[in-house]
Amino acid sequence: MIAVLAFALCPLLAQADDEDDIAKLQALDSRCEEARAIALAPIRAQLVEKCVNEERRPRGECQVEISDYGNGFRSQSTGGGTINRLFDDLPACVLAKEAWLRREQGLSQ
């Protein structure tokens, strides 16, 4: 009876472990995004000032336009190619990426 109960609980325990792993990976992603935001903030601020002062555009419009500067995207101007995100080489981002790769490859964390 105990063996049957333990066997029945195995999928639940595996799911709990998987959820814990995902939560840890998401925490690593959050640290990466925080580090990127800190690195991007002065660049974005400088671009907003340039937009306001040189292009004579409203600050709010410039802030909205620049708010996603440094984020990756697909560009029609590059034939649909990808424009890579800035600061993915920060230690927190490298750590997160490596952890996700290990998980995808089935290796322990």
PDB file of N, CA and C in Angstrom:
ATOM      1  N   MET A   1       0.822  -1.195   0.000  1.00  0.00           N
ATOM      2  CA  MET A   1       0.000   0.000   0.000  1.00  0.00           C
ATOM      3  C   MET A   1       0.872   1.268   0.000  1.00  0.00           C
ATOM      4  N   ILE A   2       1.911   1.277   0.832  1.00  0.00           N
ATOM      5  CA  ILE A   2       2.790   2.436   0.906  1.00  0.00           C
ATOM      6  C   ILE A   2       3.527   2.616  -0.422  1.00  0.00           C
ATOM      7  N   ALA A   3       3.951   1.522  -1.039  1.00  0.00           N
ATOM      8  CA  ALA A   3       4.640   1.605  -2.320  1.00  0.00           C
ATOM      9  C   ALA A   3       3.729   2.188  -3.390  1.00  0.00           C
ATOM     10  N   VAL A   4       2.459   1.800  -3.363  1.00  0.00           N
ATOM     11  CA  VAL A   4       1.496   2.324  -4.329  1.00  0.00           C
ATOM     12  C   VAL A   4       1.299   3.820  -4.116  1.00  0.00           C
ATOM     13  N   LEU A   5       1.199   4.243  -2.863  1.00  0.00           N
ATOM     14  CA  LEU A   5       1.027   5.655  -2.543  1.00  0.00           C
ATOM     15  C   LEU A   5       2.257   6.448  -2.965  1.00  0.00           C
ATOM     16  N   ALA A   6       3.439   5.928  -2.705  1.00  0.00           N
ATOM     17  CA  ALA A   6       4.676   6.610  -3.089  1.00  0.00           C
ATOM     18  C   ALA A   6       4.760   6.723  -4.606  1.00  0.00           C
ATOM     19  N   PHE A   7       4.390   5.672  -5.308  1.00  0.00           N
ATOM     20  CA  PHE A   7       4.403   5.687  -6.771  1.00  0.00           C
ATOM     21  C   PHE A   7       3.426   6.726  -7.310  1.00  0.00           C
ATOM     22  N   ALA A   8       2.282   6.850  -6.664  1.00  0.00           N
ATOM     23  CA  ALA A   8       1.275   7.807  -7.097  1.00  0.00           C
ATOM     24  C   ALA A   8       1.719   9.246  -6.840  1.00  0.00           C
ATOM     25  N   LEU A   9       2.527   9.456  -5.814  1.00  0.00           N
ATOM     26  CA  LEU A   9       2.994  10.798  -5.477  1.00  0.00           C
ATOM     27  C   LEU A   9       4.184  11.256  -6.315  1.00  0.00           C
ATOM     28  N   CYS A  10       4.880  10.337  -6.976  1.00  0.00           N
ATOM     29  CA  CYS A  10       6.068  10.689  -7.758  1.00  0.00           C
ATOM     30  C   CYS A  10       5.796  11.785  -8.789  1.00  0.00           C
ATOM     31  N   PRO A  11       4.734  11.682  -9.581  1.00  0.00           N
ATOM     32  CA  PRO A  11       4.492  12.769 -10.544  1.00  0.00           C
ATOM     33  C   PRO A  11       4.246  14.120  -9.852  1.00  0.00           C
ATOM     34  N   LEU A  12       3.587  14.093  -8.700  1.00  0.00           N
ATOM     35  CA  LEU A  12       3.335  15.340  -7.978  1.00  0.00           C
ATOM     36  C   LEU A  12       4.633  15.936  -7.449  1.00  0.00           C
ATOM     37  N   LEU A  13       5.507  15.085  -6.959  1.00  0.00           N
ATOM     38  CA  LEU A  13       6.798  15.567  -6.464  1.00  0.00           C
ATOM     39  C   LEU A  13       7.652  16.100  -7.602  1.00  0.00           C
ATOM     40  N   ALA A  14       7.621  15.418  -8.739  1.00  0.00           N
ATOM     41  CA  ALA A  14       8.371  15.885  -9.903  1.00  0.00           C
ATOM     42  C   ALA A  14       7.843  17.237 -10.379  1.00  0.00           C
ATOM     43  N   GLN A  15       6.521  17.396 -10.353  1.00  0.00           N
ATOM     44  CA  GLN A  15       5.922  18.662 -10.758  1.00  0.00           C
ATOM     45  C   GLN A  15       6.334  19.768  -9.788  1.00  0.00           C
ATOM     46  N   ALA A  16       6.352  19.460  -8.490  1.00  0.00           N
ATOM     47  CA  ALA A  16       6.759  20.456  -7.499  1.00  0.00           C
ATOM     48  C   ALA A  16       8.216  20.853  -7.717  1.00  0.00           C
ATOM     49  N   ASP A  17       9.081  19.864  -8.000  1.00  0.00           N
ATOM     50  CA  ASP A  17      10.491  20.165  -8.281  1.00  0.00           C
ATOM     51  C   ASP A  17      10.614  21.037  -9.521  1.00  0.00           C
ATOM     52  N   ASP A  18       9.834  20.717 -10.554  1.00  0.00           N
ATOM     53  CA  ASP A  18       9.866  21.489 -11.785  1.00  0.00           C
ATOM     54  C   ASP A  18       9.407  22.928 -11.537  1.00  0.00           C
ATOM     55  N   GLU A  19       8.358  23.086 -10.741  1.00  0.00           N
ATOM     56  CA  GLU A  19       7.870  24.432 -10.418  1.00  0.00           C
ATOM     57  C   GLU A  19       8.912  25.211  -9.626  1.00  0.00           C
ATOM     58  N   ASP A  20       9.614  24.524  -8.713  1.00  0.00           N
ATOM     59  CA  ASP A  20      10.697  25.180  -7.965  1.00  0.00           C
ATOM     60  C   ASP A  20      11.817  25.616  -8.910  1.00  0.00           C
ATOM     61  N   ASP A  21      12.168  24.730  -9.855  1.00  0.00           N
ATOM     62  CA  ASP A  21      13.207  25.067 -10.829  1.00  0.00           C
ATOM     63  C   ASP A  21      12.800  26.270 -11.667  1.00  0.00           C
ATOM     64  N   ILE A  22      11.567  26.268 -12.132  1.00  0.00           N
ATOM     65  CA  ILE A  22      11.071  27.385 -12.944  1.00  0.00           C
ATOM     66  C   ILE A  22      11.109  28.680 -12.130  1.00  0.00           C
ATOM     67  N   ALA A  23      10.690  28.610 -10.875  1.00  0.00           N
ATOM     68  CA  ALA A  23      10.704  29.812 -10.018  1.00  0.00           C
ATOM     69  C   ALA A  23      12.136  30.334  -9.855  1.00  0.00           C
ATOM     70  N   LYS A  24      13.098  29.443  -9.689  1.00  0.00           N
ATOM     71  CA  LYS A  24      14.496  29.857  -9.562  1.00  0.00           C
ATOM     72  C   LYS A  24      14.996  30.492 -10.862  1.00  0.00           C
ATOM     73  N   LEU A  25      14.616  29.892 -11.983  1.00  0.00           N
ATOM     74  CA  LEU A  25      15.024  30.439 -13.267  1.00  0.00           C
ATOM     75  C   LEU A  25      14.393  31.807 -13.518  1.00  0.00           C
ATOM     76  N   GLN A  26      13.144  31.955 -13.136  1.00  0.00           N
ATOM     77  CA  GLN A  26      12.479  33.245 -13.292  1.00  0.00           C
ATOM     78  C   GLN A  26      13.109  34.308 -12.395  1.00  0.00           C
ATOM     79  N   ALA A  27      13.564  33.898 -11.224  1.00  0.00           N
ATOM     80  CA  ALA A  27      14.262  34.836 -10.340  1.00  0.00           C
ATOM     81  C   ALA A  27      15.580  35.279 -10.977  1.00  0.00           C
ATOM     82  N   LEU A  28      16.282  34.354 -11.625  1.00  0.00           N
ATOM     83  CA  LEU A  28      17.509  34.718 -12.338  1.00  0.00           C
ATOM     84  C   LEU A  28      17.205  35.683 -13.484  1.00  0.00           C
ATOM     85  N   ASP A  29      16.116  35.423 -14.196  1.00  0.00           N
ATOM     86  CA  ASP A  29      15.696  36.333 -15.271  1.00  0.00           C
ATOM     87  C   ASP A  29      15.402  37.726 -14.723  1.00  0.00           C
ATOM     88  N   SER A  30      14.748  37.782 -13.581  1.00  0.00           N
ATOM     89  CA  SER A  30      14.425  39.079 -12.967  1.00  0.00           C
ATOM     90  C   SER A  30      15.691  39.846 -12.608  1.00  0.00           C
ATOM     91  N   ARG A  31      16.683  39.149 -12.066  1.00  0.00           N
ATOM     92  CA  ARG A  31      17.953  39.803 -11.732  1.00  0.00           C
ATOM     93  C   ARG A  31      18.632  40.338 -12.994  1.00  0.00           C
ATOM     94  N   CYS A  32      18.544  39.570 -14.067  1.00  0.00           N
ATOM     95  CA  CYS A  32      19.103  40.017 -15.343  1.00  0.00           C
ATOM     96  C   CYS A  32      18.399  41.287 -15.810  1.00  0.00           C
ATOM     97  N   GLU A  33      17.079  41.276 -15.783  1.00  0.00           N
ATOM     98  CA  GLU A  33      16.321  42.448 -16.247  1.00  0.00           C
ATOM     99  C   GLU A  33      16.592  43.679 -15.379  1.00  0.00           C
ATOM    100  N   GLU A  34      16.760  43.469 -14.076  1.00  0.00           N
ATOM    101  CA  GLU A  34      17.099  44.590 -13.191  1.00  0.00           C
ATOM    102  C   GLU A  34      18.473  45.161 -13.540  1.00  0.00           C
ATOM    103  N   ALA A  35      19.437  44.283 -13.784  1.00  0.00           N
ATOM    104  CA  ALA A  35      20.787  44.729 -14.140  1.00  0.00           C
ATOM    105  C   ALA A  35      20.773  45.457 -15.487  1.00  0.00           C
ATOM    106  N   ARG A  36      20.015  44.943 -16.451  1.00  0.00           N
ATOM    107  CA  ARG A  36      19.898  45.600 -17.752  1.00  0.00           C
ATOM    108  C   ARG A  36      19.250  46.974 -17.599  1.00  0.00           C
ATOM    109  N   ALA A  37      18.203  47.067 -16.784  1.00  0.00           N
ATOM    110  CA  ALA A  37      17.510  48.347 -16.591  1.00  0.00           C
ATOM    111  C   ALA A  37      18.458  49.395 -16.009  1.00  0.00           C
ATOM    112  N   ILE A  38      19.282  48.977 -15.068  1.00  0.00           N
ATOM    113  CA  ILE A  38      20.253  49.898 -14.463  1.00  0.00           C
ATOM    114  C   ILE A  38      21.266  50.356 -15.507  1.00  0.00           C
ATOM    115  N   ALA A  39      21.738  49.436 -16.336  1.00  0.00           N
ATOM    116  CA  ALA A  39      22.727  49.787 -17.361  1.00  0.00           C
ATOM    117  C   ALA A  39      22.117  50.657 -18.462  1.00  0.00           C
ATOM    118  N   LEU A  40      20.863  50.416 -18.792  1.00  0.00           N
ATOM    119  CA  LEU A  40      20.203  51.153 -19.874  1.00  0.00           C
ATOM    120  C   LEU A  40      19.701  52.529 -19.452  1.00  0.00           C
ATOM    121  N   ALA A  41      19.427  52.724 -18.179  1.00  0.00           N
ATOM    122  CA  ALA A  41      18.816  53.978 -17.705  1.00  0.00           C
ATOM    123  C   ALA A  41      19.573  55.232 -18.144  1.00  0.00           C
ATOM    124  N   PRO A  42      20.884  55.319 -17.934  1.00  0.00           N
ATOM    125  CA  PRO A  42      21.567  56.557 -18.343  1.00  0.00           C
ATOM    126  C   PRO A  42      21.596  56.748 -19.866  1.00  0.00           C
ATOM    127  N   ILE A  43      21.659  55.663 -20.600  1.00  0.00           N
ATOM    128  CA  ILE A  43      21.649  55.765 -22.064  1.00  0.00           C
ATOM    129  C   ILE A  43      20.294  56.269 -22.538  1.00  0.00           C
ATOM    130  N   ARG A  44      19.238  55.698 -21.982  1.00  0.00           N
ATOM    131  CA  ARG A  44      17.890  56.136 -22.356  1.00  0.00           C
ATOM    132  C   ARG A  44      17.671  57.603 -21.979  1.00  0.00           C
ATOM    133  N   ALA A  45      18.140  57.986 -20.803  1.00  0.00           N
ATOM    134  CA  ALA A  45      17.985  59.378 -20.365  1.00  0.00           C
ATOM    135  C   ALA A  45      18.709  60.325 -21.325  1.00  0.00           C
ATOM    136  N   GLN A  46      19.892  59.944 -21.746  1.00  0.00           N
ATOM    137  CA  GLN A  46      20.662  60.762 -22.682  1.00  0.00           C
ATOM    138  C   GLN A  46      19.932  60.867 -24.027  1.00  0.00           C
ATOM    139  N   LEU A  47      19.355  59.764 -24.490  1.00  0.00           N
ATOM    140  CA  LEU A  47      18.623  59.782 -25.757  1.00  0.00           C
ATOM    141  C   LEU A  47      17.356  60.629 -25.670  1.00  0.00           C
ATOM    142  N   VAL A  48      16.710  60.616 -24.519  1.00  0.00           N
ATOM    143  CA  VAL A  48      15.521  61.455 -24.326  1.00  0.00           C
ATOM    144  C   VAL A  48      15.932  62.920 -24.400  1.00  0.00           C
ATOM    145  N   GLU A  49      17.024  63.274 -23.720  1.00  0.00           N
ATOM    146  CA  GLU A  49      17.486  64.663 -23.744  1.00  0.00           C
ATOM    147  C   GLU A  49      17.849  65.090 -25.168  1.00  0.00           C
ATOM    148  N   LYS A  50      18.482  64.222 -25.900  1.00  0.00           N
ATOM    149  CA  LYS A  50      18.832  64.525 -27.288  1.00  0.00           C
ATOM    150  C   LYS A  50      17.562  64.742 -28.111  1.00  0.00           C
ATOM    151  N   CYS A  51      16.585  63.902 -27.916  1.00  0.00           N
ATOM    152  CA  CYS A  51      15.310  64.007 -28.623  1.00  0.00           C
ATOM    153  C   CYS A  51      14.629  65.346 -28.318  1.00  0.00           C
ATOM    154  N   VAL A  52      14.621  65.716 -27.051  1.00  0.00           N
ATOM    155  CA  VAL A  52      13.965  66.964 -26.624  1.00  0.00           C
ATOM    156  C   VAL A  52      14.738  68.184 -27.126  1.00  0.00           C
ATOM    157  N   ASN A  53      16.049  68.181 -26.919  1.00  0.00           N
ATOM    158  CA  ASN A  53      16.858  69.364 -27.208  1.00  0.00           C
ATOM    159  C   ASN A  53      17.202  69.531 -28.685  1.00  0.00           C
ATOM    160  N   GLU A  54      17.521  68.445 -29.357  1.00  0.00           N
ATOM    161  CA  GLU A  54      17.949  68.559 -30.755  1.00  0.00           C
ATOM    162  C   GLU A  54      16.783  68.424 -31.734  1.00  0.00           C
ATOM    163  N   GLU A  55      15.855  67.550 -31.410  1.00  0.00           N
ATOM    164  CA  GLU A  55      14.728  67.331 -32.319  1.00  0.00           C
ATOM    165  C   GLU A  55      13.526  68.208 -31.960  1.00  0.00           C
ATOM    166  N   ARG A  56      13.617  68.877 -30.799  1.00  0.00           N
ATOM    167  CA  ARG A  56      12.556  69.789 -30.336  1.00  0.00           C
ATOM    168  C   ARG A  56      11.194  69.100 -30.264  1.00  0.00           C
ATOM    169  N   ARG A  57      11.196  67.913 -29.700  1.00  0.00           N
ATOM    170  CA  ARG A  57       9.955  67.152 -29.558  1.00  0.00           C
ATOM    171  C   ARG A  57       9.523  67.169 -28.109  1.00  0.00           C
ATOM    172  N   PRO A  58       8.251  66.940 -27.832  1.00  0.00           N
ATOM    173  CA  PRO A  58       7.780  66.912 -26.440  1.00  0.00           C
ATOM    174  C   PRO A  58       8.459  65.784 -25.650  1.00  0.00           C
ATOM    175  N   ARG A  59       8.813  66.086 -24.395  1.00  0.00           N
ATOM    176  CA  ARG A  59       9.505  65.112 -23.539  1.00  0.00           C
ATOM    177  C   ARG A  59       8.731  63.795 -23.418  1.00  0.00           C
ATOM    178  N   GLY A  60       7.431  63.881 -23.199  1.00  0.00           N
ATOM    179  CA  GLY A  60       6.629  62.664 -23.047  1.00  0.00           C
ATOM    180  C   GLY A  60       6.695  61.772 -24.273  1.00  0.00           C
ATOM    181  N   GLU A  61       6.649  62.394 -25.436  1.00  0.00           N
ATOM    182  CA  GLU A  61       6.747  61.643 -26.691  1.00  0.00           C
ATOM    183  C   GLU A  61       8.117  60.970 -26.800  1.00  0.00           C
ATOM    184  N   CYS A  62       9.142  61.701 -26.451  1.00  0.00           N
ATOM    185  CA  CYS A  62      10.500  61.146 -26.494  1.00  0.00           C
ATOM    186  C   CYS A  62      10.656  59.993 -25.504  1.00  0.00           C
ATOM    187  N   GLN A  63      10.124  60.159 -24.308  1.00  0.00           N
ATOM    188  CA  GLN A  63      10.232  59.112 -23.289  1.00  0.00           C
ATOM    189  C   GLN A  63       9.559  57.831 -23.745  1.00  0.00           C
ATOM    190  N   VAL A  64       8.380  57.956 -24.346  1.00  0.00           N
ATOM    191  CA  VAL A  64       7.676  56.766 -24.835  1.00  0.00           C
ATOM    192  C   VAL A  64       8.485  56.096 -25.939  1.00  0.00           C
ATOM    193  N   GLU A  65       8.986  56.897 -26.857  1.00  0.00           N
ATOM    194  CA  GLU A  65       9.742  56.350 -27.981  1.00  0.00           C
ATOM    195  C   GLU A  65      11.017  55.648 -27.525  1.00  0.00           C
ATOM    196  N   ILE A  66      11.680  56.195 -26.529  1.00  0.00           N
ATOM    197  CA  ILE A  66      12.968  55.668 -26.076  1.00  0.00           C
ATOM    198  C   ILE A  66      12.802  54.568 -25.016  1.00  0.00           C
ATOM    199  N   SER A  67      11.629  54.417 -24.472  1.00  0.00           N
ATOM    200  CA  SER A  67      11.421  53.510 -23.332  1.00  0.00           C
ATOM    201  C   SER A  67      11.829  52.068 -23.595  1.00  0.00           C
ATOM    202  N   ASP A  68      11.805  51.629 -24.844  1.00  0.00           N
ATOM    203  CA  ASP A  68      12.200  50.247 -25.121  1.00  0.00           C
ATOM    204  C   ASP A  68      13.553  50.157 -25.830  1.00  0.00           C
ATOM    205  N   TYR A  69      14.282  51.271 -25.834  1.00  0.00           N
ATOM    206  CA  TYR A  69      15.613  51.259 -26.425  1.00  0.00           C
ATOM    207  C   TYR A  69      16.472  50.195 -25.734  1.00  0.00           C
ATOM    208  N   GLY A  70      17.142  49.391 -26.515  1.00  0.00           N
ATOM    209  CA  GLY A  70      18.017  48.360 -25.970  1.00  0.00           C
ATOM    210  C   GLY A  70      17.365  46.998 -25.890  1.00  0.00           C
ATOM    211  N   ASN A  71      16.059  46.941 -26.127  1.00  0.00           N
ATOM    212  CA  ASN A  71      15.365  45.652 -26.150  1.00  0.00           C
ATOM    213  C   ASN A  71      15.473  45.074 -27.555  1.00  0.00           C
ATOM    214  N   GLY A  72      15.570  43.787 -27.639  1.00  0.00           N
ATOM    215  CA  GLY A  72      15.686  43.142 -28.938  1.00  0.00           C
ATOM    216  C   GLY A  72      14.358  43.127 -29.678  1.00  0.00           C
ATOM    217  N   PHE A  73      14.446  43.051 -31.003  1.00  0.00           N
ATOM    218  CA  PHE A  73      13.241  42.964 -31.828  1.00  0.00           C
ATOM    219  C   PHE A  73      13.624  42.532 -33.234  1.00  0.00           C
ATOM    220  N   ARG A  74      12.622  42.200 -34.018  1.00  0.00           N
ATOM    221  CA  ARG A  74      12.836  41.906 -35.438  1.00  0.00           C
ATOM    222  C   ARG A  74      12.667  43.205 -36.206  1.00  0.00           C
ATOM    223  N   SER A  75      13.540  43.426 -37.146  1.00  0.00           N
ATOM    224  CA  SER A  75      13.533  44.689 -37.890  1.00  0.00           C
ATOM    225  C   SER A  75      13.264  44.442 -39.365  1.00  0.00           C
ATOM    226  N   GLN A  76      12.337  45.187 -39.909  1.00  0.00           N
ATOM    227  CA  GLN A  76      12.085  45.112 -41.345  1.00  0.00           C
ATOM    228  C   GLN A  76      13.273  45.694 -42.119  1.00  0.00           C
ATOM    229  N   SER A  77      13.951  46.666 -41.518  1.00  0.00           N
ATOM    230  CA  SER A  77      15.074  47.292 -42.210  1.00  0.00           C
ATOM    231  C   SER A  77      16.265  46.348 -42.363  1.00  0.00           C
ATOM    232  N   THR A  78      16.285  45.272 -41.581  1.00  0.00           N
ATOM    233  CA  THR A  78      17.356  44.281 -41.721  1.00  0.00           C
ATOM    234  C   THR A  78      16.820  43.018 -42.389  1.00  0.00           C
ATOM    235  N   GLY A  79      15.744  43.173 -43.140  1.00  0.00           N
ATOM    236  CA  GLY A  79      15.175  42.018 -43.841  1.00  0.00           C
ATOM    237  C   GLY A  79      14.519  41.033 -42.902  1.00  0.00           C
ATOM    238  N   GLY A  80      13.990  41.520 -41.807  1.00  0.00           N
ATOM    239  CA  GLY A  80      13.356  40.641 -40.832  1.00  0.00           C
ATOM    240  C   GLY A  80      14.336  40.058 -39.834  1.00  0.00           C
ATOM    241  N   GLY A  81      15.579  40.536 -39.889  1.00  0.00           N
ATOM    242  CA  GLY A  81      16.602  40.037 -38.966  1.00  0.00           C
ATOM    243  C   GLY A  81      16.374  40.538 -37.552  1.00  0.00           C
ATOM    244  N   THR A  82      17.041  39.920 -36.630  1.00  0.00           N
ATOM    245  CA  THR A  82      16.894  40.265 -35.221  1.00  0.00           C
ATOM    246  C   THR A  82      17.901  41.329 -34.817  1.00  0.00           C
ATOM    247  N   ILE A  83      17.418  42.315 -34.078  1.00  0.00           N
ATOM    248  CA  ILE A  83      18.292  43.290 -33.429  1.00  0.00           C
ATOM    249  C   ILE A  83      18.455  42.791 -31.990  1.00  0.00           C
ATOM    250  N   ASN A  84      19.662  42.445 -31.615  1.00  0.00           N
ATOM    251  CA  ASN A  84      19.901  41.860 -30.296  1.00  0.00           C
ATOM    252  C   ASN A  84      19.696  42.865 -29.168  1.00  0.00           C
ATOM    253  N   ARG A  85      19.312  42.318 -28.020  1.00  0.00           N
ATOM    254  CA  ARG A  85      19.166  43.150 -26.825  1.00  0.00           C
ATOM    255  C   ARG A  85      20.538  43.614 -26.370  1.00  0.00           C
ATOM    256  N   LEU A  86      20.564  44.802 -25.797  1.00  0.00           N
ATOM    257  CA  LEU A  86      21.805  45.297 -25.208  1.00  0.00           C
ATOM    258  C   LEU A  86      21.970  44.742 -23.798  1.00  0.00           C
ATOM    259  N   PHE A  87      23.192  44.566 -23.403  1.00  0.00           N
ATOM    260  CA  PHE A  87      23.586  44.159 -22.052  1.00  0.00           C
ATOM    261  C   PHE A  87      23.175  42.729 -21.676  1.00  0.00           C
ATOM    262  N   ASP A  88      22.972  41.872 -22.674  1.00  0.00           N
ATOM    263  CA  ASP A  88      22.750  40.459 -22.367  1.00  0.00           C
ATOM    264  C   ASP A  88      24.045  39.789 -21.908  1.00  0.00           C
ATOM    265  N   ASP A  89      25.161  40.517 -21.992  1.00  0.00           N
ATOM    266  CA  ASP A  89      26.438  39.969 -21.570  1.00  0.00           C
ATOM    267  C   ASP A  89      26.771  40.291 -20.111  1.00  0.00           C
ATOM    268  N   LEU A  90      25.839  40.946 -19.414  1.00  0.00           N
ATOM    269  CA  LEU A  90      26.050  41.195 -17.984  1.00  0.00           C
ATOM    270  C   LEU A  90      26.090  39.862 -17.238  1.00  0.00           C
ATOM    271  N   PRO A  91      26.867  39.765 -16.171  1.00  0.00           N
ATOM    272  CA  PRO A  91      26.984  38.492 -15.452  1.00  0.00           C
ATOM    273  C   PRO A  91      25.634  37.877 -15.051  1.00  0.00           C
ATOM    274  N   ALA A  92      24.700  38.686 -14.584  1.00  0.00           N
ATOM    275  CA  ALA A  92      23.393  38.151 -14.175  1.00  0.00           C
ATOM    276  C   ALA A  92      22.649  37.552 -15.361  1.00  0.00           C
ATOM    277  N   CYS A  93      22.822  38.138 -16.539  1.00  0.00           N
ATOM    278  CA  CYS A  93      22.137  37.640 -17.735  1.00  0.00           C
ATOM    279  C   CYS A  93      22.798  36.373 -18.261  1.00  0.00           C
ATOM    280  N   VAL A  94      24.109  36.341 -18.212  1.00  0.00           N
ATOM    281  CA  VAL A  94      24.830  35.137 -18.634  1.00  0.00           C
ATOM    282  C   VAL A  94      24.459  33.971 -17.725  1.00  0.00           C
ATOM    283  N   LEU A  95      24.407  34.222 -16.434  1.00  0.00           N
ATOM    284  CA  LEU A  95      24.034  33.186 -15.470  1.00  0.00           C
ATOM    285  C   LEU A  95      22.625  32.655 -15.753  1.00  0.00           C
ATOM    286  N   ALA A  96      21.695  33.548 -16.010  1.00  0.00           N
ATOM    287  CA  ALA A  96      20.318  33.138 -16.290  1.00  0.00           C
ATOM    288  C   ALA A  96      20.257  32.318 -17.575  1.00  0.00           C
ATOM    289  N   LYS A  97      20.916  32.790 -18.600  1.00  0.00           N
ATOM    290  CA  LYS A  97      20.891  32.074 -19.886  1.00  0.00           C
ATOM    291  C   LYS A  97      21.492  30.677 -19.746  1.00  0.00           C
ATOM    292  N   GLU A  98      22.613  30.590 -19.053  1.00  0.00           N
ATOM    293  CA  GLU A  98      23.259  29.284 -18.860  1.00  0.00           C
ATOM    294  C   GLU A  98      22.366  28.340 -18.061  1.00  0.00           C
ATOM    295  N   ALA A  99      21.671  28.864 -17.054  1.00  0.00           N
ATOM    296  CA  ALA A  99      20.779  28.030 -16.246  1.00  0.00           C
ATOM    297  C   ALA A  99      19.629  27.494 -17.088  1.00  0.00           C
ATOM    298  N   TRP A 100      19.049  28.337 -17.938  1.00  0.00           N
ATOM    299  CA  TRP A 100      17.965  27.885 -18.826  1.00  0.00           C
ATOM    300  C   TRP A 100      18.474  26.830 -19.808  1.00  0.00           C
ATOM    301  N   LEU A 101      19.679  27.030 -20.332  1.00  0.00           N
ATOM    302  CA  LEU A 101      20.254  26.051 -21.261  1.00  0.00           C
ATOM    303  C   LEU A 101      20.482  24.708 -20.579  1.00  0.00           C
ATOM    304  N   ARG A 102      21.003  24.746 -19.351  1.00  0.00           N
ATOM    305  CA  ARG A 102      21.202  23.495 -18.599  1.00  0.00           C
ATOM    306  C   ARG A 102      19.885  22.772 -18.405  1.00  0.00           C
ATOM    307  N   ARG A 103      18.837  23.531 -18.088  1.00  0.00           N
ATOM    308  CA  ARG A 103      17.517  22.920 -17.884  1.00  0.00           C
ATOM    309  C   ARG A 103      17.013  22.297 -19.177  1.00  0.00           C
ATOM    310  N   GLU A 104      17.166  23.010 -20.286  1.00  0.00           N
ATOM    311  CA  GLU A 104      16.720  22.483 -21.578  1.00  0.00           C
ATOM    312  C   GLU A 104      17.482  21.222 -21.962  1.00  0.00           C
ATOM    313  N   GLN A 105      18.738  21.151 -21.562  1.00  0.00           N
ATOM    314  CA  GLN A 105      19.556  19.987 -21.881  1.00  0.00           C
ATOM    315  C   GLN A 105      19.347  18.855 -20.873  1.00  0.00           C
ATOM    316  N   GLY A 106      18.504  19.097 -19.876  1.00  0.00           N
ATOM    317  CA  GLY A 106      18.198  18.071 -18.889  1.00  0.00           C
ATOM    318  C   GLY A 106      19.230  17.899 -17.814  1.00  0.00           C
ATOM    319  N   LEU A 107      20.106  18.892 -17.663  1.00  0.00           N
ATOM    320  CA  LEU A 107      21.139  18.817 -16.636  1.00  0.00           C
ATOM    321  C   LEU A 107      20.623  19.456 -15.367  1.00  0.00           C
ATOM    322  N   SER A 108      21.144  19.028 -14.250  1.00  0.00           N
ATOM    323  CA  SER A 108      20.732  19.608 -12.974  1.00  0.00           C
ATOM    324  C   SER A 108      21.293  20.999 -12.835  1.00  0.00           C
ATOM    325  N   GLN A 109      20.678  21.783 -11.974  1.00  0.00           N
ATOM    326  CA  GLN A 109      21.076  23.171 -11.796  1.00  0.00           C
ATOM    327  C   GLN A 109      22.109  23.322 -10.720  1.00  0.00           C
TER     328      GLN A 109
END
